[in-house]
Amino acid sequence: MKIKSILPLIGLLLAAITVHASGEGWLTDFDKAMSQAKEKNKVILVEFHGSDWCPPCIKLNNEVLSTKAFKDLADDSLVLVDADFPRKSKLPEAQQAHNDALAKKYGVQYFPTVLLISTEGEVLDKMVGFPKGGLDGFLSFIKAKAG
């Protein structure tokens, strides 16, 4: 196989691995998310994670955040923010600084951490680690504050 025909396959493979990282419906700018949440009267969900090195983060993405049930609930009641802290790949410097400041502001120390935040910037609830009860537990966590 020629190298020119392998490169597109490698690109597709890398894209598949990082589906959620700033993927469909996920914002990386917290201020923009805050504006959207106020405009649509929705709660902000911020996921702090290490997309390319943190096993519970990858499990959360694969088993919860990429499901139709989560996406349907998110469409109805959430504005999603992706605060990624990769180790193998590098974020643009401005995005890394933004994510660092956001983690510091909300006292995030462990990955994954999921925060539900009001339109006033108040933390409504916090989940650290993979949710007890998997998908159902995570959906219940959201519905208690945003559903």
Protein backbone atom coordinates (compact mmCIF):
# COMPACT_ATOMS: atom_id res chain seq x y z
CA MET A 1 0.00 0.00 0.00
CA LYS A 2 1.35 3.40 -0.92
CA ILE A 3 1.98 6.00 1.76
CA LYS A 4 -0.46 8.43 0.08
CA SER A 5 -3.30 5.95 0.53
CA ILE A 6 -2.37 5.22 4.16
CA LEU A 7 -2.37 8.84 5.33
CA PRO A 8 -6.15 9.36 4.94
CA LEU A 9 -6.76 6.13 6.86
CA ILE A 10 -4.54 7.32 9.70
CA GLY A 11 -6.43 10.62 9.78
CA LEU A 12 -9.78 8.83 9.99
CA LEU A 13 -8.50 6.58 12.75
CA LEU A 14 -7.29 9.53 14.82
CA ALA A 15 -10.60 11.33 14.29
CA ALA A 16 -12.50 8.26 15.49
CA ILE A 17 -10.42 8.04 18.65
CA THR A 18 -11.19 11.62 19.64
CA VAL A 19 -14.86 11.77 18.67
CA HIS A 20 -16.05 13.74 21.69
CA ALA A 21 -13.06 15.98 22.20
CA SER A 22 -14.66 19.23 21.12
CA GLY A 23 -16.94 17.20 18.92
CA GLU A 24 -20.48 17.78 17.82
CA GLY A 25 -22.35 19.96 20.27
CA TRP A 26 -19.34 20.56 22.54
CA LEU A 27 -17.92 24.06 23.00
CA THR A 28 -14.41 24.86 24.20
CA ASP A 29 -15.13 28.49 25.16
CA PHE A 30 -16.79 28.76 28.57
CA ASP A 31 -17.89 32.38 28.03
CA LYS A 32 -19.65 31.41 24.81
CA ALA A 33 -21.30 28.51 26.66
CA MET A 34 -22.45 30.87 29.41
CA SER A 35 -24.04 33.18 26.81
CA GLN A 36 -25.80 30.26 25.12
CA ALA A 37 -27.02 28.88 28.45
CA LYS A 38 -28.52 32.24 29.41
CA GLU A 39 -30.11 32.66 25.99
CA LYS A 40 -31.63 29.15 26.00
CA ASN A 41 -32.22 28.88 29.77
CA LYS A 42 -30.08 25.74 30.05
CA VAL A 43 -27.58 24.36 32.54
CA ILE A 44 -23.90 24.15 31.55
CA LEU A 45 -22.16 20.78 31.77
CA VAL A 46 -18.37 21.04 31.83
CA GLU A 47 -16.32 17.88 31.46
CA PHE A 48 -12.71 18.14 32.65
CA HIS A 49 -10.85 15.15 31.24
CA GLY A 50 -7.70 13.74 29.71
CA SER A 51 -8.95 12.46 26.36
CA ASP A 52 -5.84 10.56 25.36
CA TRP A 53 -4.47 9.16 28.61
CA CYS A 54 -7.14 8.87 31.34
CA PRO A 55 -8.88 5.44 31.33
CA PRO A 56 -12.00 6.53 33.30
CA CYS A 57 -12.30 9.59 31.03
CA ILE A 58 -12.18 7.44 27.92
CA LYS A 59 -14.71 5.05 29.46
CA LEU A 60 -17.02 7.98 30.29
CA ASN A 61 -16.83 9.17 26.70
CA ASN A 62 -17.39 5.73 25.17
CA GLU A 63 -20.07 4.41 27.52
CA VAL A 64 -21.95 7.58 28.48
CA LEU A 65 -21.23 10.78 26.55
CA SER A 66 -21.39 9.18 23.11
CA THR A 67 -24.77 7.51 23.71
CA LYS A 68 -28.03 8.60 22.12
CA ALA A 69 -29.68 8.82 25.56
CA PHE A 70 -27.10 11.36 26.75
CA LYS A 71 -27.15 13.33 23.50
CA ASP A 72 -30.95 13.57 23.60
CA LEU A 73 -30.92 14.83 27.19
CA ALA A 74 -28.08 17.25 26.41
CA ASP A 75 -29.95 18.66 23.40
CA ASP A 76 -32.95 19.40 25.60
CA SER A 77 -31.35 20.81 28.72
CA LEU A 78 -27.58 21.36 28.54
CA VAL A 79 -24.86 23.48 26.99
CA LEU A 80 -21.75 21.27 26.78
CA VAL A 81 -18.19 22.42 27.47
CA ASP A 82 -15.13 20.29 26.76
CA ALA A 83 -12.16 21.11 29.01
CA ASP A 84 -9.56 18.64 27.78
CA PHE A 85 -6.10 18.09 29.26
CA PRO A 86 -4.41 15.73 26.78
CA ARG A 87 -0.86 14.49 27.26
CA LYS A 88 -0.09 12.80 23.95
CA SER A 89 -1.42 15.60 21.77
CA LYS A 90 -1.04 19.31 22.40
CA LEU A 91 -3.78 21.91 22.59
CA PRO A 92 -3.24 25.39 21.19
CA GLU A 93 -1.60 27.53 23.87
CA ALA A 94 -4.63 29.81 24.29
CA GLN A 95 -6.97 26.83 24.73
CA GLN A 96 -4.65 25.22 27.28
CA ALA A 97 -4.52 28.48 29.25
CA HIS A 98 -8.34 28.74 29.09
CA ASN A 99 -8.77 25.16 30.36
CA ASP A 100 -6.18 25.68 33.11
CA ALA A 101 -7.95 28.85 34.30
CA LEU A 102 -11.34 27.12 34.25
CA ALA A 103 -10.02 24.16 36.26
CA LYS A 104 -8.44 26.53 38.78
CA LYS A 105 -11.62 28.61 39.07
CA TYR A 106 -13.70 25.53 39.91
CA GLY A 107 -11.05 23.71 41.98
CA VAL A 108 -10.78 20.68 39.70
CA GLN A 109 -8.09 18.25 40.87
CA TYR A 110 -9.09 14.87 39.41
CA PHE A 111 -10.19 13.52 36.03
CA PRO A 112 -12.82 13.07 34.92
CA THR A 113 -14.71 15.78 36.76
CA VAL A 114 -18.12 16.82 35.50
CA LEU A 115 -19.69 20.03 36.76
CA LEU A 116 -23.24 21.22 36.29
CA ILE A 117 -23.14 25.02 36.38
CA SER A 118 -25.95 27.57 36.50
CA THR A 119 -26.19 30.61 34.24
CA GLU A 120 -24.79 32.61 37.16
CA GLY A 121 -21.64 30.45 37.25
CA GLU A 122 -22.67 28.60 40.42
CA VAL A 123 -21.82 24.90 40.70
CA LEU A 124 -25.11 23.03 40.99
CA ASP A 125 -23.52 19.59 41.29
CA LYS A 126 -20.23 17.79 40.78
CA MET A 127 -19.26 14.26 39.80
CA VAL A 128 -15.70 12.97 40.03
CA GLY A 129 -14.69 9.72 38.34
CA PHE A 130 -16.79 7.32 36.33
CA PRO A 131 -20.43 7.56 37.47
CA LYS A 132 -21.82 4.93 39.80
CA GLY A 133 -24.57 3.24 37.84
CA GLY A 134 -22.93 4.00 34.49
CA LEU A 135 -25.19 5.68 31.94
CA ASP A 136 -28.32 5.51 34.11
CA GLY A 137 -26.49 6.99 37.08
CA PHE A 138 -25.10 9.79 34.95
CA LEU A 139 -28.49 10.62 33.43
CA SER A 140 -30.02 10.72 36.93
CA PHE A 141 -27.23 13.06 38.06
CA ILE A 142 -28.09 15.45 35.23
CA LYS A 143 -31.87 15.20 35.56
CA ALA A 144 -31.68 16.07 39.26
CA LYS A 145 -30.34 19.54 38.39
CA ALA A 146 -31.11 20.14 34.73
CA GLY A 147 -33.98 17.89 33.76
